[in-house]
Amino acid sequence: MYIELPKSPIRKIYKCGDCSNYHFKFFDPKHDRTYTPEEWEKIMIDGREALDKALRLVREDPKLFG
């Protein structure tokens, strides 16, 4: 399952001490919501994979960007 964050910039993220959920506040408040720890972990894994894919060219052949 792919979870996509809204296109609005994030204003604040905090983890609830009672329920362990992650609460997101966006600059556009209509997108405010809460993610479970499992959903947040999936978002983080997908983000790392996308970043690795974007930086692969630089790592494999850095002379193109020197």
Protein backbone atom coordinates (compact mmCIF):
# COMPACT_ATOMS: atom_id res chain seq x y z
CA MET A 1 0.00 0.00 0.00
CA TYR A 2 1.35 3.42 -0.98
CA ILE A 3 0.62 6.37 1.28
CA GLU A 4 1.05 9.81 -0.25
CA LEU A 5 1.38 12.97 1.78
CA PRO A 6 -0.63 16.01 0.63
CA LYS A 7 1.11 18.63 -1.53
CA SER A 8 0.79 21.21 1.27
CA PRO A 9 3.98 22.00 3.27
CA ILE A 10 4.12 20.46 6.74
CA ARG A 11 4.00 22.95 9.61
CA LYS A 12 4.44 20.56 12.55
CA ILE A 13 4.84 16.83 13.28
CA TYR A 14 4.60 15.40 16.74
CA LYS A 15 4.28 11.95 18.26
CA CYS A 16 1.59 11.45 20.88
CA GLY A 17 2.91 9.98 24.11
CA ASP A 18 -0.40 8.34 24.93
CA CYS A 19 -1.38 6.70 21.64
CA SER A 20 2.02 6.59 19.79
CA ASN A 21 0.40 8.07 16.66
CA TYR A 22 2.04 10.81 14.58
CA HIS A 23 0.02 13.99 14.29
CA PHE A 24 0.64 16.17 11.22
CA LYS A 25 -0.28 19.84 10.99
CA PHE A 26 -0.10 21.30 7.50
CA PHE A 27 -0.11 24.94 6.40
CA ASP A 28 -3.44 24.13 4.76
CA PRO A 29 -5.41 22.84 7.79
CA LYS A 30 -7.81 20.79 5.68
CA HIS A 31 -4.96 18.23 5.30
CA ASP A 32 -4.29 17.84 9.06
CA ARG A 33 -4.42 14.20 10.07
CA THR A 34 -2.93 11.45 12.22
CA TYR A 35 -0.84 8.51 11.00
CA THR A 36 -0.34 5.24 12.86
CA PRO A 37 3.26 4.14 13.54
CA GLU A 38 2.92 1.54 10.75
CA GLU A 39 1.74 4.16 8.23
CA TRP A 40 4.56 6.53 9.23
CA GLU A 41 7.17 3.77 8.86
CA LYS A 42 5.84 3.03 5.35
CA ILE A 43 6.05 6.74 4.44
CA MET A 44 9.65 6.86 5.70
CA ILE A 45 10.68 3.71 3.79
CA ASP A 46 9.09 4.98 0.56
CA GLY A 47 10.83 8.34 1.03
CA ARG A 48 14.24 6.74 1.55
CA GLU A 49 13.77 4.57 -1.54
CA ALA A 50 12.82 7.63 -3.63
CA LEU A 51 15.82 9.58 -2.34
CA ASP A 52 18.19 6.67 -3.04
CA LYS A 53 16.80 6.38 -6.57
CA ALA A 54 17.24 10.13 -7.16
CA LEU A 55 20.82 10.12 -5.87
CA ARG A 56 21.90 6.88 -7.57
CA LEU A 57 23.24 8.72 -10.63
CA VAL A 58 25.37 11.02 -8.48
CA ARG A 59 26.78 8.10 -6.51
CA GLU A 60 27.51 5.99 -9.58
CA ASP A 61 29.11 8.71 -11.71
CA PRO A 62 29.86 11.87 -9.68
CA LYS A 63 32.04 13.41 -12.43
CA LEU A 64 28.85 14.47 -14.26
CA PHE A 65 28.12 16.86 -11.41
CA GLY A 66 31.70 18.05 -10.68
